[in-house]
Each structure stands twice: as C-alpha cells, then as structure tokens.
Amino acid sequence: MTPTVAWVLLAGRRGPRVYEYHGPDRGLCALKHAIRITAPPPGPDTPELARDIAAALEEAHRNRAFDSLILAAGPRMLGLLRRAMSAPLRAVVAAELCNDLTTLSDEELARHLGGAIAL
C-alpha cells in the first residue's frame, strides 16, 4: 500500500505556507518552496493571489506531490481559493478550516489542526 501524503495550505496575512503530513505520530513538515508567487500580490486576499496559489497546487497535484489537501484560510480567501481551483483539485480537499492560521507558530498550528488530522 502506498503511503498517503496530505498537504496543509495556510493562506492569510502572512502569505501562503504549506506543510506536508504523512500520518499520525509523524507531525507536520514545513515545505519552504512549495508555493512560489512570482510577483508580490496587491494584498493578502486577492483573486490574483488565489489564482497563483491554485496554479501551484494544481501543478503539485499533477506531479503527485500530495494525495489530499487541507485548506486553512480566512473566509474571503477560502472562497477565492475554491473558485480558483479546478474540479479535480477540489475533489482531493479533505478538510477546510475557515480561519487565518498564518500567524500561528508550528506548535500552535498543530493544536488547531488536531481536529482535521490526527497528529
């Protein structure tokens, strides 16, 4: 059986952050360059930023970097991301958290995500 890899996307005031999750008791691993934004967006919750993030996720998913996706973003960005994502990418979204978690430390993030994934 092939291990399942989940990506956790945080999108908010501090820009996008991506973590990789390989299963219970393995925690989260920050992926420093998973989302590359070519130009600075005009703001944290813009359609352009959502399209850039979705495009990066689409490419990573086509390259089989992850099997499932967990989204955590404020209400506006979450809606923008949903609209920017293709149907196949939306189909692998395992959970959504309507909250900007980009300001949290890794330890605080693990506590917040405990309900969505078994850390």
Protein backbone atom coordinates (compact mmCIF):
# COMPACT_ATOMS: atom_id res chain seq x y z
CA MET A 1 0.00 0.00 0.00
CA THR A 2 1.34 3.42 -0.99
CA PRO A 3 1.59 5.94 1.86
CA THR A 4 -0.84 8.82 1.70
CA VAL A 5 0.57 12.33 1.72
CA ALA A 6 -1.55 15.32 2.65
CA TRP A 7 -0.63 18.92 2.12
CA VAL A 8 -1.90 21.57 4.51
CA LEU A 9 -2.21 25.00 2.92
CA LEU A 10 -2.38 28.09 5.12
CA ALA A 11 -3.29 31.28 3.30
CA GLY A 12 -3.62 34.61 5.05
CA ARG A 13 -2.00 37.84 6.14
CA ARG A 14 1.49 36.38 6.16
CA GLY A 15 1.21 34.81 2.72
CA PRO A 16 0.83 31.16 1.82
CA ARG A 17 2.52 28.40 3.83
CA VAL A 18 2.45 24.69 3.03
CA TYR A 19 3.05 21.75 5.31
CA GLU A 20 3.30 18.07 4.46
CA TYR A 21 1.64 15.41 6.58
CA HIS A 22 2.48 11.69 6.33
CA GLY A 23 0.22 10.27 9.01
CA PRO A 24 -0.36 10.04 12.75
CA ASP A 25 2.66 10.47 15.01
CA ARG A 26 4.73 11.96 12.19
CA GLY A 27 3.68 15.58 12.66
CA LEU A 28 3.86 18.33 10.08
CA CYS A 29 6.85 19.22 7.93
CA ALA A 30 7.08 22.76 6.53
CA LEU A 31 7.68 22.90 2.78
CA LYS A 32 9.62 26.10 2.22
CA HIS A 33 9.25 26.44 -1.55
CA ALA A 34 6.05 24.54 -2.35
CA ILE A 35 4.17 27.70 -3.39
CA ARG A 36 6.14 30.18 -5.45
CA ILE A 37 4.46 33.51 -6.06
CA THR A 38 6.18 35.31 -8.93
CA ALA A 39 5.05 38.86 -8.19
CA PRO A 40 4.03 40.42 -4.89
CA PRO A 41 0.23 40.44 -4.67
CA PRO A 42 -1.57 43.73 -4.06
CA GLY A 43 -2.99 42.32 -0.82
CA PRO A 44 -3.39 39.11 1.19
CA ASP A 45 -6.92 38.25 -0.02
CA THR A 46 -6.89 38.98 -3.73
CA PRO A 47 -8.18 36.90 -6.65
CA GLU A 48 -4.71 37.12 -8.23
CA LEU A 49 -3.06 35.56 -5.19
CA ALA A 50 -5.73 32.85 -5.02
CA ARG A 51 -5.15 32.02 -8.71
CA ASP A 52 -1.37 31.85 -8.16
CA ILE A 53 -1.80 29.56 -5.16
CA ALA A 54 -4.31 27.36 -7.02
CA ALA A 55 -1.98 27.11 -10.04
CA ALA A 56 0.90 25.99 -7.81
CA LEU A 57 -1.34 23.43 -6.09
CA GLU A 58 -2.61 22.17 -9.46
CA GLU A 59 0.96 21.62 -10.68
CA ALA A 60 1.99 19.87 -7.46
CA HIS A 61 -1.07 17.62 -7.61
CA ARG A 62 -0.38 16.74 -11.28
CA ASN A 63 3.15 15.81 -10.19
CA ARG A 64 1.66 13.60 -7.44
CA ALA A 65 3.25 15.59 -4.61
CA PHE A 66 0.17 15.00 -2.45
CA ASP A 67 -2.94 12.84 -2.33
CA SER A 68 -5.19 15.05 -0.24
CA LEU A 69 -5.33 18.71 0.72
CA ILE A 70 -6.39 20.59 3.82
CA LEU A 71 -7.17 24.29 3.39
CA ALA A 72 -6.98 26.87 6.17
CA ALA A 73 -7.75 30.47 5.24
CA GLY A 74 -9.96 33.36 6.23
CA PRO A 75 -13.48 33.39 4.77
CA ARG A 76 -12.72 35.65 1.79
CA MET A 77 -9.53 33.81 0.75
CA LEU A 78 -11.18 30.43 1.24
CA GLY A 79 -13.94 31.45 -1.18
CA LEU A 80 -11.40 32.80 -3.68
CA LEU A 81 -9.38 29.59 -3.49
CA ARG A 82 -12.47 27.43 -4.06
CA ARG A 83 -13.33 29.43 -7.19
CA ALA A 84 -9.73 29.32 -8.48
CA MET A 85 -9.32 25.55 -8.04
CA SER A 86 -10.24 23.01 -10.73
CA ALA A 87 -12.82 20.32 -10.01
CA PRO A 88 -10.15 17.56 -9.75
CA LEU A 89 -8.20 19.60 -7.20
CA ARG A 90 -11.35 20.44 -5.20
CA ALA A 91 -12.11 16.71 -5.15
CA VAL A 92 -8.98 15.98 -3.08
CA VAL A 93 -9.76 18.62 -0.43
CA ALA A 94 -10.19 16.58 2.75
CA ALA A 95 -10.97 19.45 5.13
CA GLU A 96 -11.39 23.21 5.23
CA LEU A 97 -10.78 25.49 8.19
CA CYS A 98 -12.26 28.95 7.79
CA ASN A 99 -9.56 30.70 9.80
CA ASP A 100 -6.31 32.54 9.05
CA LEU A 101 -3.70 30.39 10.80
CA THR A 102 -0.65 32.01 9.20
CA THR A 103 0.18 33.94 12.36
CA LEU A 104 0.48 30.78 14.48
CA SER A 105 3.71 29.05 15.44
CA ASP A 106 4.17 25.44 14.35
CA GLU A 107 3.21 24.23 17.84
CA GLU A 108 0.04 26.34 17.91
CA LEU A 109 -0.78 25.18 14.38
CA ALA A 110 -0.58 21.53 15.43
CA ARG A 111 -3.14 22.20 18.18
CA HIS A 112 -5.53 23.92 15.77
CA LEU A 113 -5.24 21.18 13.15
CA GLY A 114 -5.79 18.36 15.62
CA GLY A 115 -9.48 18.22 14.72
CA ALA A 116 -8.83 17.96 10.99
CA ILE A 117 -5.95 15.46 11.05
CA ALA A 118 -4.54 13.06 13.63
CA LEU A 119 -1.14 14.48 14.56
